[in-house]
Amino acid sequence: MNLKKKVLSVSLSSLMAFGAITAVTTPAFAVGNGPSAGNGAIQTSILHTYESLVDYLKTQDAKQKAMELEVIGQTVKGRDIYMAKYISNPENPTILFLTQQHGNEQLTTEGALSFIKHLGTEKTKGVLDNVNVLIIPMLNADGAMGDVDFSLEDYHADGNRHLTRYNANKVDLNREHAKATSDMEVEAKSLHENVFAKYQIDYMIDLHHQGTRSETEGELVSGSILYPTNTAVKPEVLEGSKKLGAVVYNALEDTGWGHIGKYEGGTGTNIGRNGAAVRYDISTLLFEMRGMSDHYIESYALGQKSNGYLIKQTITTLDATVRAIANGSIETADTSFWDTLPEQTNRQGEEADE
């Protein structure tokens, strides 16, 4: 349902929490051999709660003429799932940004919220005339808030709030995409019925986090990317996915703090990037940022000193892809880099887990 626009104030605590994140400068040691797992406290108190995220979205909705806020469904625990929409012309190409299928992967959400604010500034004037943008900044709100029906006592973040990969029923939402929608967990069902099936989506970036010790060429990655790998994906959908990856790679690899590897992921249609490509002909890209906000495995969670560059990496990714689609340059993106992009490996036996 569409929410009626009205001016809503953000609580002081919400503003402080958001400011504490966006004010972080990009550290010079973002990649390479640091910061490593355990370098800095693992904190969740500076991350948006579900409640502060909702306040933030409603405030931006009231300020931005081009933005429309939609509730696409509810979580197991009854939390509304929000989507920010920028649709100037239904005939425009459309991109969906999806974050927090896994509730303990929140820095992409922080970046998406910053990008939503960015879309309401003069810096993006004219861009939205030629592209439609959909942003779901927190699909798994129950997992993000630790409001689940299983124990989180082994998780490592400081404070009273833990974040978990799973939804409240201890189900991985990124393994739901091959099912009939009637059999899906409610969060995935809402995504399929009220977003994938409702909107004509051309591109999707599914934003995740991985462990802290993935590397290529002896250097820790800032993130890794992968196109859909199921054999049923149509050639033109696969080509669009590879072009989307080219835009992201070129935007990040030369920044000095970005170092991108190729992710080693599964081929099943139960995984979002494959399922959306096969079922809806959406060109998809998986982006796995380095380090998680919380985990029961200590090496998977990254200290807060890395928050700044990971949030910046998300914003850069979203901005670059929106502009490339808007100006049409994505159509001529050179995908040959995929042929030489090193596939990441994992130090000390750490396993990737899309």
Protein backbone atom coordinates (compact mmCIF):
# COMPACT_ATOMS: atom_id res chain seq x y z
CA MET A 1 0.00 0.00 0.00
CA ASN A 2 1.14 3.58 -0.60
CA LEU A 3 1.75 5.78 2.39
CA LYS A 4 0.23 9.26 2.46
CA LYS A 5 2.97 11.84 2.53
CA LYS A 6 3.22 13.90 5.67
CA VAL A 7 5.96 15.57 7.60
CA LEU A 8 7.32 13.37 10.34
CA SER A 9 10.18 14.21 12.66
CA VAL A 10 13.09 11.90 13.28
CA SER A 11 13.95 11.33 16.91
CA LEU A 12 17.19 12.81 18.19
CA SER A 13 18.54 9.36 18.92
CA SER A 14 17.89 8.31 15.31
CA LEU A 15 19.75 11.31 13.95
CA MET A 16 22.66 10.67 16.26
CA ALA A 17 22.83 7.04 15.25
CA PHE A 18 22.79 7.94 11.57
CA GLY A 19 25.32 10.72 11.96
CA ALA A 20 27.70 8.43 13.80
CA ILE A 21 27.84 6.24 10.72
CA THR A 22 27.88 8.70 7.86
CA ALA A 23 30.50 10.87 9.52
CA VAL A 24 33.10 8.10 9.50
CA THR A 25 35.93 8.85 7.11
CA THR A 26 37.35 6.24 4.79
CA PRO A 27 40.41 4.63 6.41
CA ALA A 28 43.54 4.24 4.35
CA PHE A 29 43.91 0.65 5.58
CA ALA A 30 40.52 -0.54 4.37
CA VAL A 31 41.89 -3.43 2.33
CA GLY A 32 45.13 -5.33 2.06
CA ASN A 33 46.02 -6.85 5.40
CA GLY A 34 43.71 -4.86 7.63
CA PRO A 35 41.63 -4.18 9.50
CA SER A 36 41.31 -7.84 10.39
CA ALA A 37 38.64 -9.64 12.36
CA GLY A 38 38.50 -8.34 15.92
CA ASN A 39 40.24 -5.07 15.06
CA GLY A 40 37.88 -2.70 16.85
CA ALA A 41 34.72 -3.45 18.77
CA ILE A 42 31.85 -5.23 17.06
CA GLN A 43 29.06 -2.77 17.77
CA THR A 44 25.43 -2.72 16.67
CA SER A 45 24.33 0.26 18.76
CA ILE A 46 25.40 2.73 16.04
CA LEU A 47 23.39 0.94 13.35
CA HIS A 48 19.84 1.85 12.50
CA THR A 49 17.21 -0.03 14.38
CA TYR A 50 14.09 -0.99 12.48
CA GLU A 51 12.22 1.85 14.17
CA SER A 52 14.81 4.50 13.31
CA LEU A 53 14.98 3.20 9.74
CA VAL A 54 11.22 3.64 9.38
CA ASP A 55 11.41 7.17 10.80
CA TYR A 56 14.22 7.99 8.39
CA LEU A 57 12.34 6.64 5.37
CA LYS A 58 9.17 8.54 6.26
CA THR A 59 11.10 11.76 6.72
CA GLN A 60 12.78 11.39 3.32
CA ASP A 61 9.40 10.52 1.77
CA ALA A 62 7.97 13.78 3.10
CA LYS A 63 10.93 15.80 1.79
CA GLN A 64 11.38 14.24 -1.63
CA LYS A 65 8.80 14.88 -4.33
CA ALA A 66 10.14 12.08 -6.54
CA MET A 67 10.05 9.47 -3.79
CA GLU A 68 7.12 7.25 -2.89
CA LEU A 69 7.17 4.86 0.05
CA GLU A 70 5.38 1.54 -0.25
CA VAL A 71 4.77 -1.29 2.22
CA ILE A 72 5.26 -4.52 0.28
CA GLY A 73 4.33 -6.91 3.11
CA GLN A 74 5.08 -7.87 6.69
CA THR A 75 7.68 -10.01 8.43
CA VAL A 76 6.92 -13.06 10.55
CA LYS A 77 6.72 -10.79 13.60
CA GLY A 78 4.43 -8.31 11.84
CA ARG A 79 6.91 -5.56 10.93
CA ASP A 80 6.09 -3.67 7.73
CA ILE A 81 8.60 -4.16 4.91
CA TYR A 82 9.26 -0.87 3.13
CA MET A 83 10.33 -0.06 -0.39
CA ALA A 84 11.41 3.38 -1.60
CA LYS A 85 10.25 4.00 -5.17
CA TYR A 86 11.42 6.51 -7.76
CA ILE A 87 9.29 5.93 -10.87
CA SER A 88 9.15 8.88 -13.24
CA ASN A 89 8.17 6.90 -16.31
CA PRO A 90 7.06 3.25 -16.37
CA GLU A 91 8.82 2.88 -19.72
CA ASN A 92 12.21 3.69 -18.19
CA PRO A 93 14.61 0.84 -17.35
CA THR A 94 14.19 -0.14 -13.71
CA ILE A 95 16.75 -1.27 -11.14
CA LEU A 96 16.06 -2.86 -7.76
CA PHE A 97 18.50 -2.66 -4.86
CA LEU A 98 17.83 -5.29 -2.19
CA THR A 99 19.52 -5.36 1.21
CA GLN A 100 19.35 -7.48 4.34
CA GLN A 101 17.87 -10.69 3.13
CA HIS A 102 20.24 -11.71 5.90
CA GLY A 103 19.60 -9.67 9.03
CA ASN A 104 23.23 -9.58 10.20
CA GLU A 105 24.45 -7.87 7.00
CA GLN A 106 23.52 -4.25 7.70
CA LEU A 107 26.17 -1.90 6.37
CA THR A 108 24.63 -2.23 2.91
CA THR A 109 21.39 -1.00 4.47
CA GLU A 110 23.20 2.01 5.96
CA GLY A 111 24.60 2.75 2.51
CA ALA A 112 21.19 2.38 0.88
CA LEU A 113 19.68 4.86 3.34
CA SER A 114 22.41 7.38 2.59
CA PHE A 115 21.78 6.86 -1.12
CA ILE A 116 18.06 7.51 -0.68
CA LYS A 117 18.93 10.86 0.90
CA HIS A 118 21.40 11.47 -1.95
CA LEU A 119 18.62 10.97 -4.52
CA GLY A 120 16.78 13.93 -3.03
CA THR A 121 19.66 16.36 -3.60
CA GLU A 122 20.74 18.51 -6.52
CA LYS A 123 23.64 16.09 -7.10
CA THR A 124 21.27 13.70 -8.88
CA LYS A 125 19.23 16.34 -10.73
CA GLY A 126 17.93 14.93 -14.00
CA VAL A 127 19.19 11.40 -13.40
CA LEU A 128 15.82 10.05 -12.30
CA ASP A 129 14.18 11.28 -15.51
CA ASN A 130 15.65 8.30 -17.35
CA VAL A 131 15.72 5.46 -14.82
CA ASN A 132 13.37 4.00 -12.23
CA VAL A 133 14.85 3.01 -8.88
CA LEU A 134 13.41 0.63 -6.29
CA ILE A 135 15.15 0.21 -2.94
CA ILE A 136 14.24 -2.35 -0.27
CA PRO A 137 16.58 -1.39 2.58
CA MET A 138 15.71 -4.13 5.08
CA LEU A 139 13.88 -7.23 3.92
CA ASN A 140 14.59 -9.25 7.06
CA ALA A 141 13.72 -6.80 9.84
CA ASP A 142 13.11 -9.51 12.46
CA GLY A 143 16.59 -10.95 11.96
CA ALA A 144 18.07 -7.44 11.93
CA MET A 145 16.50 -6.73 15.31
CA GLY A 146 17.26 -10.15 16.80
CA ASP A 147 13.54 -10.68 17.33
CA VAL A 148 13.59 -14.40 16.58
CA ASP A 149 12.34 -17.64 18.07
CA PHE A 150 15.77 -19.14 18.74
CA SER A 151 18.76 -18.29 20.90
CA LEU A 152 21.39 -15.72 19.86
CA GLU A 153 23.51 -16.06 23.00
CA ASP A 154 26.61 -17.13 21.04
CA TYR A 155 26.67 -14.01 18.86
CA HIS A 156 29.63 -11.65 19.28
CA ALA A 157 28.35 -8.06 19.02
CA ASP A 158 28.51 -5.90 22.13
CA GLY A 159 25.34 -4.48 23.64
CA ASN A 160 21.78 -5.70 23.89
CA ARG A 161 21.01 -6.14 20.20
CA HIS A 162 22.12 -9.08 18.12
CA LEU A 163 21.61 -9.50 14.39
CA THR A 164 21.15 -12.89 12.75
CA ARG A 165 21.24 -14.25 9.22
CA TYR A 166 17.87 -15.95 9.55
CA ASN A 167 14.30 -14.74 9.83
CA ALA A 168 12.27 -15.32 12.99
CA ASN A 169 11.57 -18.93 11.96
CA LYS A 170 15.31 -19.64 11.52
CA VAL A 171 14.93 -19.78 7.74
CA ASP A 172 17.50 -18.37 5.31
CA LEU A 173 15.48 -16.05 3.05
CA ASN A 174 18.10 -16.33 0.31
CA ARG A 175 17.26 -20.00 -0.09
CA GLU A 176 13.54 -19.48 -0.68
CA HIS A 177 13.49 -18.38 -4.31
CA ALA A 178 12.84 -21.70 -6.07
CA LYS A 179 9.61 -22.42 -4.17
CA ALA A 180 6.05 -21.72 -5.17
CA THR A 181 5.28 -18.33 -3.65
CA SER A 182 2.56 -19.85 -1.49
CA ASP A 183 5.22 -22.00 0.21
CA MET A 184 7.75 -19.21 0.84
CA GLU A 185 8.47 -17.48 4.11
CA VAL A 186 6.35 -14.33 4.27
CA GLU A 187 9.26 -11.96 3.61
CA ALA A 188 10.29 -13.78 0.42
CA LYS A 189 6.64 -14.16 -0.62
CA SER A 190 6.16 -10.39 -0.31
CA LEU A 191 9.26 -9.77 -2.42
CA HIS A 192 8.06 -12.08 -5.18
CA GLU A 193 4.36 -11.22 -5.26
CA ASN A 194 4.56 -7.49 -4.60
CA VAL A 195 7.85 -6.54 -6.25
CA PHE A 196 9.19 -9.08 -8.77
CA ALA A 197 5.76 -9.89 -10.23
CA LYS A 198 4.36 -6.36 -9.96
CA TYR A 199 7.13 -4.21 -11.42
CA GLN A 200 8.96 -4.57 -14.73
CA ILE A 201 12.46 -4.84 -13.28
CA ASP A 202 15.42 -4.93 -15.65
CA TYR A 203 18.30 -5.03 -13.18
CA MET A 204 18.82 -6.04 -9.56
CA ILE A 205 21.79 -5.81 -7.23
CA ASP A 206 21.40 -8.15 -4.27
CA LEU A 207 23.63 -6.68 -1.54
CA HIS A 208 25.12 -9.00 1.07
CA HIS A 209 28.12 -9.37 3.36
CA GLN A 210 30.58 -12.23 3.60
CA GLY A 211 33.36 -13.14 6.01
CA THR A 212 36.43 -11.02 6.65
CA ARG A 213 39.20 -13.19 5.20
CA SER A 214 38.45 -13.51 1.49
CA GLU A 215 41.31 -12.49 -0.76
CA THR A 216 42.68 -12.37 -4.27
CA GLU A 217 46.35 -12.13 -5.16
CA GLY A 218 47.28 -12.05 -1.47
CA GLU A 219 45.14 -8.99 -0.73
CA LEU A 220 41.92 -9.00 1.27
CA VAL A 221 38.96 -8.00 -0.87
CA SER A 222 36.63 -5.12 -0.02
CA GLY A 223 33.91 -7.13 -1.71
CA SER A 224 33.18 -9.67 -4.40
CA ILE A 225 30.65 -9.89 -7.23
CA LEU A 226 28.96 -12.59 -9.29
CA TYR A 227 26.38 -12.79 -12.06
CA PRO A 228 23.66 -15.51 -12.16
CA THR A 229 25.18 -18.93 -12.80
CA ASN A 230 22.17 -21.15 -13.42
CA THR A 231 22.17 -22.68 -16.92
CA ALA A 232 18.52 -21.70 -17.49
CA VAL A 233 19.34 -17.97 -17.50
CA LYS A 234 18.73 -16.48 -20.94
CA PRO A 235 21.87 -15.25 -22.76
CA GLU A 236 20.65 -11.65 -22.92
CA VAL A 237 19.84 -11.67 -19.19
CA LEU A 238 23.30 -13.03 -18.42
CA GLU A 239 24.92 -10.40 -20.64
CA GLY A 240 23.01 -7.63 -18.85
CA SER A 241 24.17 -9.06 -15.53
CA LYS A 242 27.80 -9.04 -16.65
CA LYS A 243 27.43 -5.42 -17.83
CA LEU A 244 26.02 -4.49 -14.43
CA GLY A 245 29.10 -6.07 -12.86
CA ALA A 246 31.37 -4.12 -15.20
CA VAL A 247 29.86 -0.83 -14.05
CA VAL A 248 30.38 -1.76 -10.40
CA TYR A 249 33.91 -3.04 -10.91
CA ASN A 250 35.04 0.04 -12.82
CA ALA A 251 33.51 2.35 -10.22
CA LEU A 252 35.32 0.69 -7.32
CA GLU A 253 38.55 -0.94 -8.39
CA ASP A 254 40.44 2.31 -9.00
CA THR A 255 39.34 4.11 -5.84
CA GLY A 256 42.39 3.07 -3.83
CA TRP A 257 40.24 1.47 -1.14
CA GLY A 258 38.18 -0.88 -3.30
CA HIS A 259 39.51 -4.32 -4.23
CA ILE A 260 37.01 -6.58 -5.95
CA GLY A 261 37.12 -10.34 -6.43
CA LYS A 262 34.89 -12.86 -8.15
CA TYR A 263 32.57 -14.66 -5.75
CA GLU A 264 32.31 -18.43 -5.78
CA GLY A 265 28.57 -19.03 -5.49
CA GLY A 266 26.02 -21.76 -6.10
CA THR A 267 23.96 -22.39 -9.22
CA GLY A 268 20.59 -23.18 -7.60
CA THR A 269 17.48 -21.11 -8.37
CA ASN A 270 16.76 -21.05 -4.63
CA ILE A 271 19.40 -18.29 -4.43
CA GLY A 272 18.14 -14.77 -5.17
CA ARG A 273 20.47 -13.78 -8.03
CA ASN A 274 19.68 -17.03 -9.86
CA GLY A 275 15.99 -17.24 -9.00
CA ALA A 276 15.18 -13.69 -10.10
CA ALA A 277 17.12 -14.14 -13.34
CA VAL A 278 15.39 -17.41 -14.24
CA ARG A 279 11.85 -16.64 -13.06
CA TYR A 280 11.59 -12.99 -14.10
CA ASP A 281 14.39 -12.42 -16.66
CA ILE A 282 16.02 -9.84 -14.40
CA SER A 283 19.72 -9.18 -14.94
CA THR A 284 21.15 -9.65 -11.46
CA LEU A 285 24.38 -9.06 -9.64
CA LEU A 286 25.39 -10.38 -6.25
CA PHE A 287 27.65 -8.02 -4.28
CA GLU A 288 29.20 -9.45 -1.13
CA MET A 289 30.75 -6.72 1.02
CA ARG A 290 33.53 -7.66 3.41
CA GLY A 291 32.59 -8.50 7.01
CA MET A 292 29.28 -8.90 8.84
CA SER A 293 27.65 -6.77 11.52
CA ASP A 294 27.25 -9.73 13.88
CA HIS A 295 27.79 -13.48 13.84
CA TYR A 296 28.33 -16.48 16.09
CA ILE A 297 31.60 -17.12 14.21
CA GLU A 298 34.07 -14.49 15.40
CA SER A 299 36.05 -14.24 12.15
CA TYR A 300 32.90 -13.37 10.16
CA ALA A 301 32.14 -10.15 12.09
CA LEU A 302 34.25 -7.08 11.37
CA GLY A 303 34.97 -4.31 13.86
CA GLN A 304 33.30 -0.95 13.41
CA LYS A 305 36.50 0.70 12.19
CA SER A 306 35.62 -0.67 8.75
CA ASN A 307 32.09 0.74 8.68
CA GLY A 308 33.01 3.91 6.83
CA TYR A 309 34.53 2.46 3.69
CA LEU A 310 31.98 -0.35 3.42
CA ILE A 311 29.11 2.14 3.56
CA LYS A 312 30.92 4.31 1.03
CA GLN A 313 31.40 1.26 -1.19
CA THR A 314 27.64 0.66 -1.16
CA ILE A 315 26.80 4.28 -1.99
CA THR A 316 29.34 4.32 -4.83
CA THR A 317 27.88 1.10 -6.23
CA LEU A 318 24.31 2.34 -6.20
CA ASP A 319 25.17 5.75 -7.63
CA ALA A 320 27.34 4.37 -10.44
CA THR A 321 24.75 1.84 -11.60
CA VAL A 322 21.85 4.29 -11.53
CA ARG A 323 23.82 6.80 -13.59
CA ALA A 324 25.01 4.16 -16.08
CA ILE A 325 21.46 2.96 -16.67
CA ALA A 326 20.13 6.52 -16.91
CA ASN A 327 22.66 7.68 -19.49
CA GLY A 328 22.72 4.38 -21.38
CA SER A 329 26.43 3.74 -20.89
CA ILE A 330 25.67 0.36 -19.34
CA GLU A 331 24.81 -0.86 -22.85
CA THR A 332 28.42 -0.47 -23.97
CA ALA A 333 30.06 -1.68 -20.76
CA ASP A 334 33.02 -3.94 -21.45
CA THR A 335 32.42 -7.34 -19.84
CA SER A 336 35.78 -8.81 -20.77
CA PHE A 337 37.13 -8.07 -17.28
CA TRP A 338 35.15 -11.11 -16.05
CA ASP A 339 37.57 -13.33 -18.00
CA THR A 340 40.50 -12.26 -15.83
CA LEU A 341 38.80 -11.29 -12.56
CA PRO A 342 40.41 -13.54 -9.93
CA GLU A 343 38.08 -15.81 -8.00
CA GLN A 344 38.55 -15.18 -4.33
CA THR A 345 39.89 -17.71 -1.89
CA ASN A 346 39.44 -17.72 1.86
CA ARG A 347 42.20 -17.54 4.43
CA GLN A 348 42.40 -20.04 7.29
CA GLY A 349 39.71 -22.25 5.81
CA GLU A 350 36.90 -19.71 6.12
CA GLU A 351 34.03 -20.60 3.80
CA ALA A 352 31.97 -18.25 1.69
CA ASP A 353 28.24 -18.36 2.41
CA GLU A 354 26.07 -16.39 -0.02
